């Protein structure tokens, strides 16, 4: 993501696939240009959210940092 037009969807997908046990069931969709929807297997939802939401918060922080370069504010929705 060295250029401002980097695909944040790919970033979220890479992070999520690294965290879960079933990476084949990770689906990331960009809705309305600034909303990223992340869907994982039901057994992996806890791993993506983390204890007290720390992992999800960290992913949202990375997403907002990537959005600064593109001058956009992205929102991450984790679908259960």
C-alpha atoms as a PDB file:
ATOM      1  CA  UNK A   1       0.000   0.000   0.000  1.00  0.00           C
ATOM      2  CA  UNK A   2       2.614   2.495  -1.039  1.00  0.00           C
ATOM      3  CA  UNK A   3       0.272   4.544  -3.162  1.00  0.00           C
ATOM      4  CA  UNK A   4      -2.843   6.408  -1.993  1.00  0.00           C
ATOM      5  CA  UNK A   5      -5.205   4.310  -4.107  1.00  0.00           C
ATOM      6  CA  UNK A   6      -4.285   1.043  -2.342  1.00  0.00           C
ATOM      7  CA  UNK A   7      -7.046  -1.503  -1.900  1.00  0.00           C
ATOM      8  CA  UNK A   8      -7.922  -1.626   1.803  1.00  0.00           C
ATOM      9  CA  UNK A   9     -10.175  -4.611   1.160  1.00  0.00           C
ATOM     10  CA  UNK A  10      -7.064  -6.677   0.430  1.00  0.00           C
ATOM     11  CA  UNK A  11      -5.468  -5.489   3.675  1.00  0.00           C
ATOM     12  CA  UNK A  12      -8.465  -6.565   5.767  1.00  0.00           C
ATOM     13  CA  UNK A  13      -8.681  -9.891   3.941  1.00  0.00           C
ATOM     14  CA  UNK A  14      -4.980 -10.631   4.528  1.00  0.00           C
ATOM     15  CA  UNK A  15      -5.201  -9.850   8.246  1.00  0.00           C
ATOM     16  CA  UNK A  16      -8.390 -11.872   8.724  1.00  0.00           C
ATOM     17  CA  UNK A  17      -7.046 -14.905   6.859  1.00  0.00           C
ATOM     18  CA  UNK A  18      -3.948 -14.822   9.056  1.00  0.00           C
ATOM     19  CA  UNK A  19      -6.060 -14.921  12.231  1.00  0.00           C
ATOM     20  CA  UNK A  20      -8.663 -17.598  11.511  1.00  0.00           C
ATOM     21  CA  UNK A  21      -8.517 -21.382  11.297  1.00  0.00           C
ATOM     22  CA  UNK A  22     -10.694 -21.533   8.157  1.00  0.00           C
ATOM     23  CA  UNK A  23      -9.196 -18.948   5.766  1.00  0.00           C
ATOM     24  CA  UNK A  24     -11.318 -20.272   2.893  1.00  0.00           C
ATOM     25  CA  UNK A  25     -14.428 -18.942   4.627  1.00  0.00           C
ATOM     26  CA  UNK A  26     -13.230 -15.333   4.867  1.00  0.00           C
ATOM     27  CA  UNK A  27     -15.204 -12.944   2.684  1.00  0.00           C
ATOM     28  CA  UNK A  28     -14.534  -9.216   2.489  1.00  0.00           C
ATOM     29  CA  UNK A  29     -16.790  -6.848   0.598  1.00  0.00           C
ATOM     30  CA  UNK A  30     -16.530  -3.094   0.139  1.00  0.00           C
ATOM     31  CA  UNK A  31     -19.934  -1.434   0.351  1.00  0.00           C
ATOM     32  CA  UNK A  32     -20.680   2.221  -0.477  1.00  0.00           C
ATOM     33  CA  UNK A  33     -16.991   2.914  -1.018  1.00  0.00           C
ATOM     34  CA  UNK A  34     -16.123   3.394   2.645  1.00  0.00           C
ATOM     35  CA  UNK A  35     -17.743   0.476   4.514  1.00  0.00           C
ATOM     36  CA  UNK A  36     -15.801  -2.791   4.646  1.00  0.00           C
ATOM     37  CA  UNK A  37     -17.824  -5.870   5.603  1.00  0.00           C
ATOM     38  CA  UNK A  38     -15.872  -8.834   6.974  1.00  0.00           C
ATOM     39  CA  UNK A  39     -17.545 -12.234   7.181  1.00  0.00           C
ATOM     40  CA  UNK A  40     -15.826 -15.265   8.714  1.00  0.00           C
ATOM     41  CA  UNK A  41     -16.879 -18.742   9.799  1.00  0.00           C
ATOM     42  CA  UNK A  42     -19.032 -18.834  12.910  1.00  0.00           C
ATOM     43  CA  UNK A  43     -16.315 -20.610  14.892  1.00  0.00           C
ATOM     44  CA  UNK A  44     -13.752 -17.917  13.984  1.00  0.00           C
ATOM     45  CA  UNK A  45     -15.732 -14.808  14.937  1.00  0.00           C
ATOM     46  CA  UNK A  46     -14.173 -14.723  18.398  1.00  0.00           C
ATOM     47  CA  UNK A  47     -10.668 -14.819  16.949  1.00  0.00           C
ATOM     48  CA  UNK A  48     -11.368 -11.853  14.697  1.00  0.00           C
ATOM     49  CA  UNK A  49     -12.962  -9.829  17.494  1.00  0.00           C
ATOM     50  CA  UNK A  50     -10.418 -10.813  20.159  1.00  0.00           C
ATOM     51  CA  UNK A  51     -10.578 -10.368  23.906  1.00  0.00           C
ATOM     52  CA  UNK A  52     -12.619  -7.317  24.784  1.00  0.00           C
ATOM     53  CA  UNK A  53     -12.552  -6.357  21.087  1.00  0.00           C
ATOM     54  CA  UNK A  54      -8.829  -5.665  20.987  1.00  0.00           C
ATOM     55  CA  UNK A  55      -8.159  -7.410  17.674  1.00  0.00           C
ATOM     56  CA  UNK A  56     -11.121  -5.740  15.985  1.00  0.00           C
ATOM     57  CA  UNK A  57     -10.023  -2.370  17.379  1.00  0.00           C
ATOM     58  CA  UNK A  58      -6.500  -2.923  16.049  1.00  0.00           C
ATOM     59  CA  UNK A  59      -7.870  -3.794  12.593  1.00  0.00           C
ATOM     60  CA  UNK A  60     -10.001  -0.641  12.645  1.00  0.00           C
ATOM     61  CA  UNK A  61      -6.942   1.403  13.627  1.00  0.00           C
ATOM     62  CA  UNK A  62      -4.955   0.018  10.694  1.00  0.00           C
ATOM     63  CA  UNK A  63      -7.912   0.706   8.428  1.00  0.00           C
ATOM     64  CA  UNK A  64      -8.125   4.304   9.564  1.00  0.00           C
ATOM     65  CA  UNK A  65      -4.365   4.747   9.057  1.00  0.00           C
ATOM     66  CA  UNK A  66      -4.694   3.387   5.522  1.00  0.00           C
ATOM     67  CA  UNK A  67      -7.641   5.718   4.994  1.00  0.00           C
ATOM     68  CA  UNK A  68      -5.562   8.766   5.882  1.00  0.00           C
ATOM     69  CA  UNK A  69      -3.432   8.226   2.801  1.00  0.00           C
ATOM     70  CA  UNK A  70      -6.527   7.934   0.602  1.00  0.00           C
ATOM     71  CA  UNK A  71      -8.255  10.783   2.479  1.00  0.00           C
ATOM     72  CA  UNK A  72     -11.209   8.545   3.325  1.00  0.00           C
ATOM     73  CA  UNK A  73     -12.734   7.306   6.556  1.00  0.00           C
ATOM     74  CA  UNK A  74     -13.341   3.579   6.417  1.00  0.00           C
ATOM     75  CA  UNK A  75     -15.665   1.608   8.659  1.00  0.00           C
ATOM     76  CA  UNK A  76     -15.179  -2.096   9.453  1.00  0.00           C
ATOM     77  CA  UNK A  77     -18.287  -4.200  10.068  1.00  0.00           C
ATOM     78  CA  UNK A  78     -17.794  -7.755  11.281  1.00  0.00           C
ATOM     79  CA  UNK A  79     -20.733  -9.876  10.226  1.00  0.00           C
ATOM     80  CA  UNK A  80     -21.596 -12.811  12.471  1.00  0.00           C
END
